[in-house]
Amino acid sequence: MIGNINNLNGKAITNPEAKNAFMKVLVSPDNGWDDYVMRVIEVEKDGYTPKHSHSWPHINYIIEGEGELYIDGSNNKVFAGAYAFVPANAIHQFRNVGAAVFKFICIVPKEGHK
């Protein structure tokens, strides 16, 4: 499978605790990666993902923009080239703190993709 992110439609993250955040699924069990899902999250200016926790980890890589990653009480500045492992059960949130779109890869086990 070969694709291009520019050909994918973003799906709004509809959690009431999220603002101006969208998800594009790149690779999933539908494409043959049986146990994981690789997504790109795009957070527009002044936007954020919900502050939450769950029983699976995240693997993240920042593609572009400037953001903050909140993990268990600590805000961490992140920008293009940064990566992060968010452990299971950690309270976390991504927030755009720049003027442009904040975009990052997010890999989760298939049970973590909704």
Protein backbone atom coordinates (compact mmCIF):
# COMPACT_ATOMS: atom_id res chain seq x y z
CA MET A 1 0.00 0.00 0.00
CA ILE A 2 1.24 3.47 -0.91
CA GLY A 3 -0.70 6.65 -0.25
CA ASN A 4 -0.39 10.37 0.21
CA ILE A 5 -1.69 12.24 3.24
CA ASN A 6 -2.88 15.08 0.98
CA ASN A 7 -5.44 12.71 -0.53
CA LEU A 8 -7.04 11.88 2.84
CA ASN A 9 -9.94 13.68 4.45
CA GLY A 10 -9.49 14.63 8.08
CA LYS A 11 -12.13 13.48 10.55
CA ALA A 12 -12.93 15.96 13.33
CA ILE A 13 -12.15 14.79 16.84
CA THR A 14 -15.62 15.29 18.28
CA ASN A 15 -14.83 14.90 21.98
CA PRO A 16 -16.37 17.94 23.74
CA GLU A 17 -13.00 18.56 25.43
CA ALA A 18 -11.22 18.94 22.07
CA LYS A 19 -11.07 22.02 19.86
CA ASN A 20 -10.05 22.34 16.19
CA ALA A 21 -8.42 18.87 16.07
CA PHE A 22 -8.64 16.43 13.16
CA MET A 23 -7.40 12.91 12.47
CA LYS A 24 -6.26 11.19 9.27
CA VAL A 25 -5.71 7.41 9.35
CA LEU A 26 -2.67 6.38 7.28
CA VAL A 27 -2.25 2.68 8.07
CA SER A 28 -4.54 0.39 10.08
CA PRO A 29 -5.80 -3.19 10.24
CA ASP A 30 -7.87 -2.28 7.16
CA ASN A 31 -4.57 -1.94 5.27
CA GLY A 32 -2.84 -5.00 6.71
CA TRP A 33 -1.21 -3.68 9.90
CA ASP A 34 -3.15 -6.00 12.15
CA ASP A 35 -2.25 -4.73 15.61
CA TYR A 36 -1.66 -0.97 15.26
CA VAL A 37 -2.99 2.22 13.72
CA MET A 38 -0.80 5.03 12.38
CA ARG A 39 -2.62 8.34 12.31
CA VAL A 40 -1.78 11.98 11.73
CA ILE A 41 -3.40 14.46 14.06
CA GLU A 42 -3.75 18.04 12.83
CA VAL A 43 -4.49 20.69 15.44
CA GLU A 44 -5.36 24.13 14.12
CA LYS A 45 -4.37 27.43 15.74
CA ASP A 46 -5.61 27.67 19.37
CA GLY A 47 -6.78 24.03 19.18
CA TYR A 48 -6.14 21.03 21.42
CA THR A 49 -6.92 17.37 21.91
CA PRO A 50 -8.87 16.25 24.99
CA LYS A 51 -6.99 15.87 28.28
CA HIS A 52 -7.45 12.17 29.05
CA SER A 53 -5.86 8.83 29.90
CA HIS A 54 -6.38 5.24 28.78
CA SER A 55 -4.85 1.79 29.10
CA TRP A 56 -2.69 1.90 25.94
CA PRO A 57 0.46 3.89 25.09
CA HIS A 58 1.00 6.38 22.26
CA ILE A 59 4.08 6.80 20.09
CA ASN A 60 4.26 10.30 18.62
CA TYR A 61 6.46 12.16 16.12
CA ILE A 62 5.99 15.88 15.46
CA ILE A 63 5.86 16.68 11.74
CA GLU A 64 5.31 20.44 11.80
CA GLY A 65 4.19 23.35 13.91
CA GLU A 66 4.66 24.17 17.57
CA GLY A 67 2.84 22.56 20.43
CA GLU A 68 2.77 21.51 24.03
CA LEU A 69 2.42 17.96 25.21
CA TYR A 70 1.00 17.72 28.70
CA ILE A 71 1.94 14.45 30.44
CA ASP A 72 0.98 13.81 34.07
CA GLY A 73 1.17 17.42 35.25
CA SER A 74 4.07 18.62 33.10
CA ASN A 75 3.83 20.77 29.94
CA ASN A 76 6.54 19.96 27.41
CA LYS A 77 7.27 22.18 24.39
CA VAL A 78 7.43 20.14 21.17
CA PHE A 79 8.10 21.08 17.55
CA ALA A 80 9.06 19.45 14.24
CA GLY A 81 11.49 16.59 14.81
CA ALA A 82 10.46 15.93 18.41
CA TYR A 83 9.16 12.53 19.44
CA ALA A 84 7.42 11.23 22.54
CA PHE A 85 6.31 8.02 24.17
CA VAL A 86 3.16 8.54 26.21
CA PRO A 87 2.82 5.62 28.64
CA ALA A 88 -0.44 3.81 29.30
CA ASN A 89 -2.62 5.49 31.94
CA ALA A 90 -0.74 8.82 31.75
CA ILE A 91 -2.97 11.90 31.63
CA HIS A 92 -2.01 13.67 28.40
CA GLN A 93 -3.05 16.39 25.95
CA PHE A 94 -1.62 18.00 22.82
CA ARG A 95 -2.11 21.76 22.35
CA ASN A 96 -1.20 24.02 19.42
CA VAL A 97 0.76 27.01 20.73
CA GLY A 98 1.89 28.37 17.36
CA ALA A 99 0.36 30.34 14.50
CA ALA A 100 0.35 27.44 11.98
CA VAL A 101 -1.16 23.97 12.04
CA PHE A 102 0.44 21.62 14.60
CA LYS A 103 0.75 18.19 13.00
CA PHE A 104 2.01 14.92 14.46
CA ILE A 105 2.04 11.18 13.86
CA CYS A 106 0.29 9.12 16.51
CA ILE A 107 0.67 5.33 16.61
CA VAL A 108 -1.61 3.34 18.92
CA PRO A 109 -2.63 -0.30 19.29
CA LYS A 110 -5.83 -1.04 17.37
CA GLU A 111 -7.92 -0.97 20.57
CA GLY A 112 -6.81 2.65 21.05
CA HIS A 113 -8.20 3.82 17.72
CA LYS A 114 -11.76 5.08 17.76
